[in-house]
Amino acid sequence: MVGTERRLGAEHNVEERPRIEGNLGQVLPVVFAAVDGLVRRPSRLVGNRFRAVPEYPDFSWKEAILNAVAHRDYTTEGRTTEVWFFDDRLEVTNPGGLVPDIALEDLLSLRRVHVSRNPRTVRALVDLGFMRDQGEGIPRMFAELEGLFLPAPVLDPSSREFRITLRNTPTLTAEDRTFVASLGDEELTDLDFRALLEAHRHGRIDDARMRQISGLDTLGASQLLRRLRDRELLTLHPAGSASFYELAPTVRGRFSSDARFSAGHLAEEQLERFAEQLGDPGKLPDDGADRGELASDGGEPAPNRGELTEEGASDRVELASDSGNFGDVPPSVRELLASLGPRPRRDRLRQAILRLAELRAWKPSELAAVLGLADAAKLVERHLSPMVSEGLLERAHPENLRHPDQAYRARRGGPAASRDKEDDDDAG
């Protein structure tokens, strides 16, 4: 799939893969091999170094597929288990809603539940070594993704289907980046780094939390934290069963909220990669592999979720004459908005969006009101998200696309900065 939405007609962006059929013992290894070939391997932070790693961790995407195969409703004809790749996410969907006697809250609570719609199928998968019938798959998936600084999986049940969505956008924040820089040339394993970042984010870490984010057993988690203490990276606060660790003074001394990146902290190439990974959620460094839809047992692409049309704002309503609707919009931008007309072309509308976004961050509903658009959701789909992908806009909350306070602003260093520089040059 090229992009973040499925499109039809002239903008068709789905590359369909052959259906994979046969008995489970034969099908699953073929499916795993096919999916593994589609998973990109960008450079990502592992420990405090960049390495080529899968955009989705192996256990998580395999568990999503096994969950779909084990718990799908096989009485539903004409539907299959489907795997969809998008630029920013992977979706695995199976026919049939949640298994009876299991609520979504049970899964989100991360309690181990192992009720099955197809007990014989599950038994076969266990006997073949594909899974363990212990109800640990979903909790482990959540822990693995969190430990690798990826968003939690989205579990989306309905009466007809169950979908698991994995996203590939790192959740590391700008403050996290500064903390990484402060670690300098420390030799850290992936698990060492997770422990330190957890202590940085939450002020502390204990054995129980280390087990949760790493999958280590009690002894392994305890040994890791003690090792970091011995290296004077963590400080122990002994309190029996309530003991915990926090960042050592030497580590806290290196880090400050206004620290700056420098080549002395991380190599220039690493910084560029880090900035790219922590930027637009719709972008991921690609190895050039083409990807598309993979259906186990076939399946047709789902209905289109909306197209980007040349007349992208055909549902634009007349702008209100009350200047209060424009708030802090300067007269020059108001004139641009007024000149758009009832059916502005896409380029003209996006020019107006960019001029507004240079002023401040706007929620979609605010932008829709100022632009005279009736549907904020279409504005996001047709314009704001594509403009983020093109590097023109950035999200206020890139780590959570559905954040209630999500807003869009002009990307730093983008066209606005270029214009400012040109103005300065002209003034000189």
Protein backbone atom coordinates (compact mmCIF):
# COMPACT_ATOMS: atom_id res chain seq x y z
CA MET A 1 0.00 0.00 0.00
CA VAL A 2 1.42 3.38 -1.00
CA GLY A 3 0.17 5.97 1.47
CA THR A 4 -1.96 5.78 4.58
CA GLU A 5 -5.38 5.21 2.98
CA ARG A 6 -6.79 2.89 0.32
CA ARG A 7 -7.77 4.69 -2.86
CA LEU A 8 -9.64 3.82 -6.01
CA GLY A 9 -9.76 4.84 -9.66
CA ALA A 10 -6.90 6.88 -11.04
CA GLU A 11 -5.35 7.06 -7.55
CA HIS A 12 -5.49 3.30 -6.96
CA ASN A 13 -2.60 2.56 -4.62
CA VAL A 14 -3.07 -1.10 -3.65
CA GLU A 15 -0.67 -3.79 -4.74
CA GLU A 16 -2.49 -7.08 -4.27
CA ARG A 17 -0.57 -10.21 -3.32
CA PRO A 18 -1.64 -13.77 -4.15
CA ARG A 19 -3.91 -15.53 -1.69
CA ILE A 20 -2.26 -18.23 0.37
CA GLU A 21 -4.26 -21.42 0.82
CA GLY A 22 -3.78 -24.83 2.39
CA ASN A 23 -3.77 -26.42 5.82
CA LEU A 24 -2.48 -24.32 8.71
CA GLY A 25 0.74 -26.26 9.13
CA GLN A 26 1.68 -25.42 5.55
CA VAL A 27 0.11 -21.98 5.22
CA LEU A 28 1.51 -20.23 8.30
CA PRO A 29 5.24 -20.61 7.45
CA VAL A 30 4.51 -19.29 3.95
CA VAL A 31 2.50 -16.37 5.35
CA PHE A 32 5.23 -15.55 7.87
CA ALA A 33 7.88 -15.60 5.14
CA ALA A 34 5.76 -13.39 2.88
CA VAL A 35 5.06 -10.83 5.61
CA ASP A 36 8.68 -10.84 6.75
CA GLY A 37 9.66 -9.93 3.19
CA LEU A 38 7.34 -6.91 3.29
CA VAL A 39 8.42 -5.58 6.67
CA ARG A 40 10.89 -2.75 6.18
CA ARG A 41 14.06 -2.48 8.24
CA PRO A 42 14.88 1.18 8.81
CA SER A 43 17.61 2.46 11.09
CA ARG A 44 16.17 2.83 14.56
CA LEU A 45 17.42 3.51 18.03
CA VAL A 46 18.52 0.28 19.72
CA GLY A 47 20.12 1.04 23.03
CA ASN A 48 21.61 4.44 22.26
CA ARG A 49 22.81 3.44 18.79
CA PHE A 50 21.05 3.28 15.44
CA ARG A 51 20.70 -0.14 13.85
CA ALA A 52 18.59 -1.67 11.09
CA VAL A 53 15.61 -3.28 12.82
CA PRO A 54 12.13 -4.36 11.64
CA GLU A 55 9.53 -1.60 11.67
CA TYR A 56 7.23 -4.05 13.50
CA PRO A 57 8.77 -6.49 16.00
CA ASP A 58 8.51 -10.14 14.91
CA PHE A 59 6.54 -11.44 17.86
CA SER A 60 3.88 -8.73 17.61
CA TRP A 61 2.98 -9.14 13.94
CA LYS A 62 3.14 -12.92 14.14
CA GLU A 63 0.91 -12.89 17.22
CA ALA A 64 -1.59 -10.66 15.40
CA ILE A 65 -1.76 -13.18 12.54
CA LEU A 66 -1.95 -16.21 14.85
CA ASN A 67 -4.69 -14.52 16.87
CA ALA A 68 -6.67 -13.92 13.68
CA VAL A 69 -6.25 -17.51 12.46
CA ALA A 70 -7.04 -19.07 15.83
CA HIS A 71 -10.11 -17.02 16.70
CA ARG A 72 -11.73 -16.17 13.36
CA ASP A 73 -15.28 -17.26 12.61
CA TYR A 74 -14.84 -20.01 10.02
CA THR A 75 -18.60 -20.25 9.46
CA THR A 76 -18.53 -16.88 7.68
CA GLU A 77 -18.24 -17.61 3.98
CA GLY A 78 -16.68 -15.30 1.43
CA ARG A 79 -14.39 -13.55 3.94
CA THR A 80 -10.79 -14.27 4.82
CA THR A 81 -8.03 -13.31 7.19
CA GLU A 82 -6.42 -10.19 5.71
CA VAL A 83 -3.08 -8.49 6.27
CA TRP A 84 -2.78 -4.89 5.07
CA PHE A 85 0.42 -2.84 4.96
CA PHE A 86 0.21 0.97 4.98
CA ASP A 87 3.06 3.45 5.21
CA ASP A 88 2.34 4.08 8.89
CA ARG A 89 0.66 0.88 10.10
CA LEU A 90 -0.09 -2.79 9.63
CA GLU A 91 -3.64 -4.13 9.97
CA VAL A 92 -4.66 -7.76 10.52
CA THR A 93 -8.39 -8.46 10.26
CA ASN A 94 -10.36 -11.66 10.74
CA PRO A 95 -14.08 -12.43 10.29
CA GLY A 96 -16.03 -12.66 13.54
CA GLY A 97 -16.08 -10.31 16.52
CA LEU A 98 -14.71 -11.00 19.97
CA VAL A 99 -14.97 -14.53 21.29
CA PRO A 100 -18.05 -14.90 23.51
CA ASP A 101 -17.37 -14.37 27.24
CA ILE A 102 -14.45 -12.01 26.48
CA ALA A 103 -14.89 -8.24 26.56
CA LEU A 104 -12.52 -5.68 25.08
CA GLU A 105 -11.81 -4.47 28.62
CA ASP A 106 -10.48 -7.94 29.48
CA LEU A 107 -7.88 -7.66 26.72
CA LEU A 108 -6.96 -4.04 27.45
CA SER A 109 -6.47 -4.85 31.13
CA LEU A 110 -3.67 -7.17 29.94
CA ARG A 111 -4.97 -10.04 32.03
CA ARG A 112 -4.24 -13.46 30.60
CA VAL A 113 -7.40 -14.79 29.00
CA HIS A 114 -7.45 -17.88 26.81
CA VAL A 115 -11.01 -18.63 25.76
CA SER A 116 -11.18 -19.82 22.16
CA ARG A 117 -13.87 -19.92 19.50
CA ASN A 118 -12.00 -22.79 17.85
CA PRO A 119 -10.44 -24.97 20.59
CA ARG A 120 -9.36 -27.70 18.17
CA THR A 121 -7.64 -25.19 15.92
CA VAL A 122 -5.86 -23.71 18.90
CA ARG A 123 -4.81 -27.17 20.05
CA ALA A 124 -3.38 -27.88 16.59
CA LEU A 125 -1.44 -24.60 16.60
CA VAL A 126 -0.08 -25.42 20.05
CA ASP A 127 0.93 -28.94 19.02
CA LEU A 128 2.63 -27.57 15.89
CA GLY A 129 4.62 -25.14 18.02
CA PHE A 130 3.13 -21.93 16.63
CA MET A 131 1.63 -20.70 19.91
CA ARG A 132 1.08 -21.45 23.59
CA ASP A 133 -2.47 -21.62 24.91
CA GLN A 134 -1.74 -19.51 27.96
CA GLY A 135 -3.46 -16.24 27.07
CA GLU A 136 -0.12 -14.39 27.07
CA GLY A 137 -0.04 -13.21 23.46
CA ILE A 138 -1.88 -9.87 23.73
CA PRO A 139 -0.19 -8.76 27.01
CA ARG A 140 3.22 -9.66 25.60
CA MET A 141 2.45 -7.73 22.40
CA PHE A 142 1.63 -4.58 24.42
CA ALA A 143 4.80 -4.94 26.48
CA GLU A 144 7.03 -5.57 23.47
CA LEU A 145 5.78 -2.54 21.54
CA GLU A 146 6.08 -0.29 24.58
CA GLY A 147 9.58 -1.56 25.24
CA LEU A 148 10.59 -0.69 21.67
CA PHE A 149 9.04 2.80 21.93
CA LEU A 150 6.19 2.06 19.52
CA PRO A 151 2.50 2.87 20.06
CA ALA A 152 0.34 0.31 21.80
CA PRO A 153 -1.59 -1.97 19.42
CA VAL A 154 -5.15 -0.88 18.64
CA LEU A 155 -7.73 -3.62 19.20
CA ASP A 156 -10.87 -2.86 17.21
CA PRO A 157 -13.72 -5.38 17.58
CA SER A 158 -17.11 -5.18 15.90
CA SER A 159 -19.96 -7.62 15.54
CA ARG A 160 -18.58 -8.83 12.19
CA GLU A 161 -14.79 -8.65 12.51
CA PHE A 162 -11.82 -8.12 14.76
CA ARG A 163 -8.88 -5.93 13.74
CA ILE A 164 -5.46 -5.45 15.31
CA THR A 165 -3.49 -2.41 14.15
CA LEU A 166 0.24 -1.99 14.73
CA ARG A 167 1.82 1.41 14.10
CA ASN A 168 5.46 2.02 13.20
CA THR A 169 5.83 5.59 14.50
CA PRO A 170 8.29 5.83 17.43
CA THR A 171 6.83 7.39 20.58
CA LEU A 172 10.10 9.05 21.58
CA THR A 173 9.60 12.77 22.28
CA ALA A 174 11.87 15.75 21.78
CA GLU A 175 12.77 15.59 25.47
CA ASP A 176 13.61 11.90 25.05
CA ARG A 177 15.94 12.86 22.19
CA THR A 178 17.75 15.29 24.45
CA PHE A 179 18.11 12.58 27.07
CA VAL A 180 19.54 10.19 24.46
CA ALA A 181 22.08 12.83 23.50
CA SER A 182 23.10 13.24 27.14
CA LEU A 183 24.06 9.56 27.31
CA GLY A 184 26.87 10.24 24.87
CA ASP A 185 29.07 7.23 24.15
CA GLU A 186 27.82 4.97 26.96
CA GLU A 187 27.80 1.35 25.83
CA LEU A 188 24.20 0.31 26.43
CA THR A 189 22.19 -2.69 25.37
CA ASP A 190 18.61 -2.29 24.24
CA LEU A 191 17.34 -3.36 27.68
CA ASP A 192 19.81 -1.06 29.48
CA PHE A 193 18.49 1.86 27.47
CA ARG A 194 14.86 0.95 28.12
CA ALA A 195 15.52 0.92 31.85
CA LEU A 196 17.27 4.32 31.80
CA LEU A 197 14.63 5.94 29.61
CA GLU A 198 11.89 4.58 31.87
CA ALA A 199 13.65 6.08 34.90
CA HIS A 200 14.01 9.36 33.00
CA ARG A 201 10.36 9.48 31.93
CA HIS A 202 8.78 8.47 35.24
CA GLY A 203 11.44 9.37 37.78
CA ARG A 204 11.92 5.78 38.88
CA ILE A 205 11.95 2.13 37.88
CA ASP A 206 11.60 -1.07 39.91
CA ASP A 207 11.89 -4.80 39.27
CA ALA A 208 8.19 -5.22 38.45
CA ARG A 209 8.20 -2.45 35.85
CA MET A 210 11.42 -3.75 34.31
CA ARG A 211 9.82 -7.19 33.90
CA GLN A 212 6.80 -5.61 32.26
CA ILE A 213 8.66 -3.60 29.64
CA SER A 214 11.34 -6.18 28.90
CA GLY A 215 9.81 -9.65 29.25
CA LEU A 216 12.62 -10.63 31.64
CA ASP A 217 11.94 -12.88 34.59
CA THR A 218 12.37 -11.68 38.18
CA LEU A 219 16.03 -12.63 38.42
CA GLY A 220 16.93 -11.18 35.02
CA ALA A 221 15.24 -7.83 35.75
CA SER A 222 16.90 -7.58 39.15
CA GLN A 223 20.35 -8.37 37.74
CA LEU A 224 20.00 -5.80 34.95
CA LEU A 225 19.04 -2.99 37.33
CA ARG A 226 21.83 -3.89 39.76
CA ARG A 227 24.31 -3.86 36.88
CA LEU A 228 23.22 -0.33 35.94
CA ARG A 229 23.57 0.65 39.59
CA ASP A 230 27.12 -0.75 39.68
CA ARG A 231 27.94 1.35 36.61
CA GLU A 232 26.66 4.41 38.52
CA LEU A 233 23.87 4.99 35.99
CA LEU A 234 21.10 4.22 38.50
CA THR A 235 20.82 4.81 42.25
CA LEU A 236 19.04 2.29 44.49
CA HIS A 237 16.49 3.41 47.08
CA PRO A 238 16.18 0.33 49.31
CA ALA A 239 12.77 -0.26 50.88
CA GLY A 240 12.35 -4.02 50.91
CA SER A 241 9.68 -5.10 48.42
CA ALA A 242 9.06 -1.42 47.62
CA SER A 243 12.67 -0.73 46.55
CA PHE A 244 13.17 1.29 43.41
CA TYR A 245 15.89 2.94 41.33
CA GLU A 246 16.24 6.43 39.91
CA LEU A 247 18.77 8.05 37.60
CA ALA A 248 22.14 8.52 39.25
CA PRO A 249 23.29 12.11 39.91
CA THR A 250 26.01 11.77 37.27
CA VAL A 251 23.37 10.98 34.63
CA ARG A 252 20.99 13.70 35.77
CA GLY A 253 23.88 16.14 35.70
CA ARG A 254 24.46 15.49 32.01
CA PHE A 255 20.83 16.09 31.15
CA SER A 256 18.93 19.37 31.22
CA SER A 257 15.66 20.37 29.63
CA ASP A 258 17.34 22.94 27.39
CA ALA A 259 20.27 20.72 26.28
CA ARG A 260 21.25 20.97 22.63
CA PHE A 261 22.20 18.23 20.22
CA SER A 262 25.80 18.32 19.08
CA ALA A 263 28.16 16.13 17.12
CA GLY A 264 29.86 15.40 20.41
CA HIS A 265 26.74 13.62 21.65
CA LEU A 266 25.72 11.75 18.53
CA ALA A 267 27.18 11.58 15.05
CA GLU A 268 25.66 13.98 12.51
CA GLU A 269 24.30 11.12 10.44
CA GLN A 270 22.66 9.62 13.55
CA LEU A 271 21.04 12.94 14.39
CA GLU A 272 19.59 13.24 10.90
CA ARG A 273 18.15 9.76 11.11
CA PHE A 274 16.80 10.41 14.60
CA ALA A 275 15.11 13.63 13.49
CA GLU A 276 13.58 11.85 10.50
CA GLN A 277 12.22 9.03 12.63
CA LEU A 278 10.74 11.36 15.24
CA GLY A 279 9.16 13.66 12.68
CA ASP A 280 6.11 12.88 10.58
CA PRO A 281 4.23 9.74 11.71
CA GLY A 282 3.39 9.02 8.10
CA LYS A 283 7.06 8.77 7.10
CA LEU A 284 9.40 5.89 7.68
CA PRO A 285 12.86 5.45 6.19
CA ASP A 286 12.27 2.89 3.49
CA ASP A 287 14.51 0.27 1.98
CA GLY A 288 12.76 0.71 -1.36
CA ALA A 289 10.62 -2.42 -1.09
CA ASP A 290 7.24 -2.26 -2.72
CA ARG A 291 4.44 -3.42 -0.50
CA GLY A 292 0.78 -4.13 -0.81
CA GLU A 293 -2.08 -6.13 0.56
CA LEU A 294 -1.55 -9.73 1.58
CA ALA A 295 -4.63 -11.87 2.09
CA SER A 296 -4.48 -15.27 3.71
CA ASP A 297 -7.19 -17.13 1.86
CA GLY A 298 -7.79 -14.20 -0.48
CA GLY A 299 -10.05 -11.24 0.14
CA GLU A 300 -10.86 -8.02 -1.68
CA PRO A 301 -9.69 -4.55 -0.75
CA ALA A 302 -12.06 -2.78 1.61
CA PRO A 303 -14.15 0.16 0.33
CA ASN A 304 -12.29 3.35 -0.30
CA ARG A 305 -12.01 5.66 2.68
CA GLY A 306 -11.92 8.80 0.62
CA GLU A 307 -10.08 10.24 -2.36
CA LEU A 308 -8.00 13.33 -2.72
CA THR A 309 -9.70 15.20 -5.52
CA GLU A 310 -8.49 18.20 -7.48
CA GLU A 311 -11.48 20.11 -6.21
CA GLY A 312 -10.68 18.94 -2.69
CA ALA A 313 -13.04 21.43 -1.05
CA SER A 314 -16.18 20.96 -3.06
CA ASP A 315 -18.10 20.91 0.22
CA ARG A 316 -16.84 24.37 1.15
CA VAL A 317 -19.50 26.65 2.56
CA GLU A 318 -19.64 30.41 2.34
CA LEU A 319 -17.24 32.15 4.69
CA ALA A 320 -18.93 34.15 7.41
CA SER A 321 -18.44 37.87 7.14
CA ASP A 322 -18.08 38.21 10.90
CA SER A 323 -14.41 38.94 11.50
CA GLY A 324 -14.65 37.17 14.85
CA ASN A 325 -14.45 33.87 13.00
CA PHE A 326 -10.98 34.80 11.80
CA GLY A 327 -9.54 35.46 15.26
CA ASP A 328 -5.87 36.39 14.89
CA VAL A 329 -5.76 36.00 11.10
CA PRO A 330 -4.10 39.09 9.54
CA PRO A 331 -5.85 41.01 6.74
CA SER A 332 -3.56 39.66 3.99
CA VAL A 333 -4.51 36.08 4.85
CA ARG A 334 -8.18 37.02 5.17
CA GLU A 335 -8.03 38.35 1.61
CA LEU A 336 -6.53 35.05 0.46
CA LEU A 337 -9.34 33.12 2.17
CA ALA A 338 -12.00 35.35 0.67
CA SER A 339 -10.54 34.84 -2.82
CA LEU A 340 -10.82 31.04 -2.67
CA GLY A 341 -14.42 30.92 -3.91
CA PRO A 342 -16.91 28.08 -3.36
CA ARG A 343 -14.86 25.39 -5.18
CA PRO A 344 -11.16 26.20 -4.76
CA ARG A 345 -8.59 24.05 -6.44
CA ARG A 346 -6.45 21.88 -4.20
CA ASP A 347 -3.26 23.94 -4.61
CA ARG A 348 -5.03 27.18 -3.74
CA LEU A 349 -6.69 25.66 -0.68
CA ARG A 350 -3.43 24.17 0.56
CA GLN A 351 -1.70 27.50 0.08
CA ALA A 352 -4.30 29.03 2.39
CA ILE A 353 -3.88 26.20 4.91
CA LEU A 354 -0.13 26.72 4.95
CA ARG A 355 -0.44 30.48 5.45
CA LEU A 356 -2.75 29.86 8.40
CA ALA A 357 -0.46 27.17 9.83
CA GLU A 358 2.45 29.62 9.76
CA LEU A 359 0.56 31.76 12.28
CA ARG A 360 0.04 29.08 14.94
CA ALA A 361 -1.12 25.51 15.52
CA TRP A 362 -4.75 24.87 14.56
CA LYS A 363 -7.11 22.10 15.50
CA PRO A 364 -8.88 20.61 12.43
CA SER A 365 -12.23 22.00 13.59
CA GLU A 366 -10.74 25.50 13.87
CA LEU A 367 -9.19 25.32 10.42
CA ALA A 368 -12.43 24.00 8.94
CA ALA A 369 -14.35 26.92 10.47
CA VAL A 370 -11.92 29.55 9.17
CA LEU A 371 -11.78 27.94 5.72
CA GLY A 372 -15.54 27.60 5.54
CA LEU A 373 -15.46 23.79 5.29
CA ALA A 374 -18.31 21.68 6.56
CA ASP A 375 -16.33 18.52 7.39
CA ALA A 376 -13.18 18.68 9.52
CA ALA A 377 -12.56 14.93 9.08
CA LYS A 378 -12.37 15.32 5.29
CA LEU A 379 -10.03 18.27 5.74
CA VAL A 380 -7.65 16.02 7.69
CA GLU A 381 -7.93 13.15 5.22
CA ARG A 382 -7.69 15.14 1.99
CA HIS A 383 -5.27 17.88 2.95
CA LEU A 384 -3.73 17.99 6.42
CA SER A 385 -2.38 14.43 6.50
CA PRO A 386 -0.99 14.62 2.93
CA MET A 387 0.65 17.95 3.78
CA VAL A 388 2.31 16.33 6.79
CA SER A 389 3.61 13.56 4.53
CA GLU A 390 4.96 16.18 2.12
CA GLY A 391 6.87 17.90 4.92
CA LEU A 392 4.77 21.09 4.84
CA LEU A 393 2.95 20.62 8.16
CA GLU A 394 3.70 18.89 11.44
CA ARG A 395 1.41 17.55 14.14
CA ALA A 396 1.41 18.92 17.67
CA HIS A 397 1.08 15.33 18.96
CA PRO A 398 2.87 13.10 16.43
CA GLU A 399 3.02 10.21 18.89
CA ASN A 400 -0.81 9.97 19.07
CA LEU A 401 -2.68 10.76 15.86
CA ARG A 402 -6.04 10.69 17.68
CA HIS A 403 -5.00 12.98 20.51
CA PRO A 404 -8.00 15.11 21.57
CA ASP A 405 -5.87 18.25 21.26
CA GLN A 406 -4.28 17.29 17.95
CA ALA A 407 -3.35 20.36 15.96
CA TYR A 408 -1.38 21.22 12.81
CA ARG A 409 1.23 23.90 12.24
CA ALA A 410 3.74 24.78 9.56
CA ARG A 411 6.79 22.56 9.76
CA ARG A 412 9.84 24.25 11.21
CA GLY A 413 12.37 24.98 8.53
CA GLY A 414 9.68 24.70 5.85
CA PRO A 415 8.38 27.29 3.37
CA ALA A 416 7.69 29.81 6.13
CA ALA A 417 11.30 29.81 7.25
CA SER A 418 12.43 30.15 3.64
CA ARG A 419 10.20 33.18 3.15
CA ASP A 420 11.48 34.76 6.36
CA LYS A 421 15.05 34.29 5.16
CA GLU A 422 14.24 35.82 1.78
CA ASP A 423 12.61 38.77 3.53
CA ASP A 424 15.74 39.25 5.66
CA ASP A 425 17.94 39.05 2.56
CA ASP A 426 15.79 41.62 0.78
CA ALA A 427 15.91 43.87 3.79
CA GLY A 428 19.73 43.57 3.84
